[in-house]
Amino acid sequence: MHVVYAAPTAAQSGSAASVGWEFGRAAIFAAHASEPLGTFSWTPVIAHASPSGDLAFTVGWVFNAAGQTLGKYFSVWQKQQTGEWLYVVD
């Protein structure tokens, strides 16, 4: 589940059950808990990082398990103190 890429304070809009916003890893995980693993995949088409190297964004397409396009996504990523990149808004 892509919640592993969420920053502890991440915000995410929408799930299979809701179009509302979820805030924090636990809430994001709970919003997607009923979805089977492998339900969605995503492919970045555009990515760009800030000159400071601590923020970035990706834009791309979301697919279901059958490979059908479900829509677009936009994610903002933040480089953590550990060097790991996690999304802060999805």
C-alpha atoms as a PDB file:
ATOM      1  CA  MET A   1       0.000   0.000   0.000  1.00  0.00           C
ATOM      2  CA  HIS A   2       1.386   3.389  -0.915  1.00  0.00           C
ATOM      3  CA  VAL A   3       0.835   4.715   2.609  1.00  0.00           C
ATOM      4  CA  VAL A   4       4.436   3.673   3.252  1.00  0.00           C
ATOM      5  CA  TYR A   5       5.445   6.638   1.084  1.00  0.00           C
ATOM      6  CA  ALA A   6       3.382   9.083   3.154  1.00  0.00           C
ATOM      7  CA  ALA A   7       5.116  11.527   5.479  1.00  0.00           C
ATOM      8  CA  PRO A   8       3.827  11.340   9.072  1.00  0.00           C
ATOM      9  CA  THR A   9       1.920  14.602   8.505  1.00  0.00           C
ATOM     10  CA  ALA A  10       0.804  13.859   4.930  1.00  0.00           C
ATOM     11  CA  ALA A  11      -2.539  14.929   3.493  1.00  0.00           C
ATOM     12  CA  GLN A  12      -4.306  12.837   0.878  1.00  0.00           C
ATOM     13  CA  SER A  13      -7.495  13.471  -1.049  1.00  0.00           C
ATOM     14  CA  GLY A  14      -9.831  10.663  -1.901  1.00  0.00           C
ATOM     15  CA  SER A  15      -9.975   6.902  -1.650  1.00  0.00           C
ATOM     16  CA  ALA A  16     -12.246   4.252  -3.122  1.00  0.00           C
ATOM     17  CA  ALA A  17     -14.835   5.076  -0.439  1.00  0.00           C
ATOM     18  CA  SER A  18     -14.527   8.865  -0.087  1.00  0.00           C
ATOM     19  CA  VAL A  19     -13.511  12.048  -1.860  1.00  0.00           C
ATOM     20  CA  GLY A  20     -12.660  13.795   1.419  1.00  0.00           C
ATOM     21  CA  TRP A  21      -9.220  14.632   2.747  1.00  0.00           C
ATOM     22  CA  GLU A  22      -7.306  12.384   5.155  1.00  0.00           C
ATOM     23  CA  PHE A  23      -4.532  13.798   7.345  1.00  0.00           C
ATOM     24  CA  GLY A  24      -1.662  11.726   8.766  1.00  0.00           C
ATOM     25  CA  ARG A  25      -0.406   8.226   7.996  1.00  0.00           C
ATOM     26  CA  ALA A  26      -2.898   6.449  10.245  1.00  0.00           C
ATOM     27  CA  ALA A  27      -5.907   8.179   8.681  1.00  0.00           C
ATOM     28  CA  ILE A  28      -4.613   7.550   5.155  1.00  0.00           C
ATOM     29  CA  PHE A  29      -4.027   3.889   5.956  1.00  0.00           C
ATOM     30  CA  ALA A  30      -7.517   3.562   7.463  1.00  0.00           C
ATOM     31  CA  ALA A  31      -9.109   5.166   4.385  1.00  0.00           C
ATOM     32  CA  HIS A  32      -7.490   2.518   2.159  1.00  0.00           C
ATOM     33  CA  ALA A  33      -7.661  -0.465   4.522  1.00  0.00           C
ATOM     34  CA  SER A  34     -10.576  -2.121   2.695  1.00  0.00           C
ATOM     35  CA  GLU A  35      -8.875  -1.944  -0.700  1.00  0.00           C
ATOM     36  CA  PRO A  36      -7.113  -5.137  -1.777  1.00  0.00           C
ATOM     37  CA  LEU A  37      -3.363  -4.908  -2.336  1.00  0.00           C
ATOM     38  CA  GLY A  38      -2.417  -4.204  -5.917  1.00  0.00           C
ATOM     39  CA  THR A  39      -5.649  -2.334  -6.671  1.00  0.00           C
ATOM     40  CA  PHE A  40      -3.897   0.750  -8.020  1.00  0.00           C
ATOM     41  CA  SER A  41      -0.582   1.619  -9.570  1.00  0.00           C
ATOM     42  CA  TRP A  42       0.760   4.923 -10.744  1.00  0.00           C
ATOM     43  CA  THR A  43       3.258   6.089 -13.313  1.00  0.00           C
ATOM     44  CA  PRO A  44       4.922   9.495 -13.140  1.00  0.00           C
ATOM     45  CA  VAL A  45       4.966  11.480 -16.378  1.00  0.00           C
ATOM     46  CA  ILE A  46       6.456  14.735 -15.079  1.00  0.00           C
ATOM     47  CA  ALA A  47       8.720  15.242 -12.060  1.00  0.00           C
ATOM     48  CA  HIS A  48      10.598  18.291 -10.894  1.00  0.00           C
ATOM     49  CA  ALA A  49      12.620  19.139  -7.780  1.00  0.00           C
ATOM     50  CA  SER A  50      13.159  22.530  -6.201  1.00  0.00           C
ATOM     51  CA  PRO A  51      16.598  24.144  -6.544  1.00  0.00           C
ATOM     52  CA  SER A  52      17.107  23.584  -2.802  1.00  0.00           C
ATOM     53  CA  GLY A  53      16.643  19.821  -3.304  1.00  0.00           C
ATOM     54  CA  ASP A  54      14.167  19.353  -0.459  1.00  0.00           C
ATOM     55  CA  LEU A  55      10.792  19.554  -2.291  1.00  0.00           C
ATOM     56  CA  ALA A  56       9.593  17.960  -5.508  1.00  0.00           C
ATOM     57  CA  PHE A  57       6.414  17.086  -7.347  1.00  0.00           C
ATOM     58  CA  THR A  58       5.262  14.296  -9.621  1.00  0.00           C
ATOM     59  CA  VAL A  59       2.323  14.252 -12.013  1.00  0.00           C
ATOM     60  CA  GLY A  60       1.111  11.143 -13.729  1.00  0.00           C
ATOM     61  CA  TRP A  61      -1.538   8.513 -14.333  1.00  0.00           C
ATOM     62  CA  VAL A  62      -3.292   6.091 -11.973  1.00  0.00           C
ATOM     63  CA  PHE A  63      -4.189   2.612 -13.241  1.00  0.00           C
ATOM     64  CA  ASN A  64      -6.303  -0.218 -11.832  1.00  0.00           C
ATOM     65  CA  ALA A  65      -5.128  -3.847 -11.650  1.00  0.00           C
ATOM     66  CA  ALA A  66      -6.472  -4.469 -15.184  1.00  0.00           C
ATOM     67  CA  GLY A  67      -4.282  -1.666 -16.545  1.00  0.00           C
ATOM     68  CA  GLN A  68      -7.168   0.714 -17.222  1.00  0.00           C
ATOM     69  CA  THR A  69      -6.464   4.414 -16.692  1.00  0.00           C
ATOM     70  CA  LEU A  70      -8.428   5.781 -13.729  1.00  0.00           C
ATOM     71  CA  GLY A  71      -7.207   9.346 -13.805  1.00  0.00           C
ATOM     72  CA  LYS A  72      -4.368  11.720 -13.032  1.00  0.00           C
ATOM     73  CA  TYR A  73      -2.487  12.370  -9.833  1.00  0.00           C
ATOM     74  CA  PHE A  74      -0.359  15.170  -8.421  1.00  0.00           C
ATOM     75  CA  SER A  75       1.954  14.565  -5.463  1.00  0.00           C
ATOM     76  CA  VAL A  76       4.240  16.886  -3.525  1.00  0.00           C
ATOM     77  CA  TRP A  77       7.284  15.176  -2.032  1.00  0.00           C
ATOM     78  CA  GLN A  78       9.589  16.302   0.766  1.00  0.00           C
ATOM     79  CA  LYS A  79      13.067  15.015   1.449  1.00  0.00           C
ATOM     80  CA  GLN A  80      13.194  13.806   5.047  1.00  0.00           C
ATOM     81  CA  GLN A  81      16.129  14.222   7.436  1.00  0.00           C
ATOM     82  CA  THR A  82      16.920  10.548   6.762  1.00  0.00           C
ATOM     83  CA  GLY A  83      17.334  11.326   3.054  1.00  0.00           C
ATOM     84  CA  GLU A  84      14.133   9.425   2.202  1.00  0.00           C
ATOM     85  CA  TRP A  85      11.540  11.095  -0.040  1.00  0.00           C
ATOM     86  CA  LEU A  86       7.959  10.951   1.285  1.00  0.00           C
ATOM     87  CA  TYR A  87       4.857  12.628  -0.054  1.00  0.00           C
ATOM     88  CA  VAL A  88       3.305  15.441   1.968  1.00  0.00           C
ATOM     89  CA  VAL A  89       0.290  16.047  -0.311  1.00  0.00           C
ATOM     90  CA  ASP A  90      -1.253  13.507  -2.650  1.00  0.00           C
END
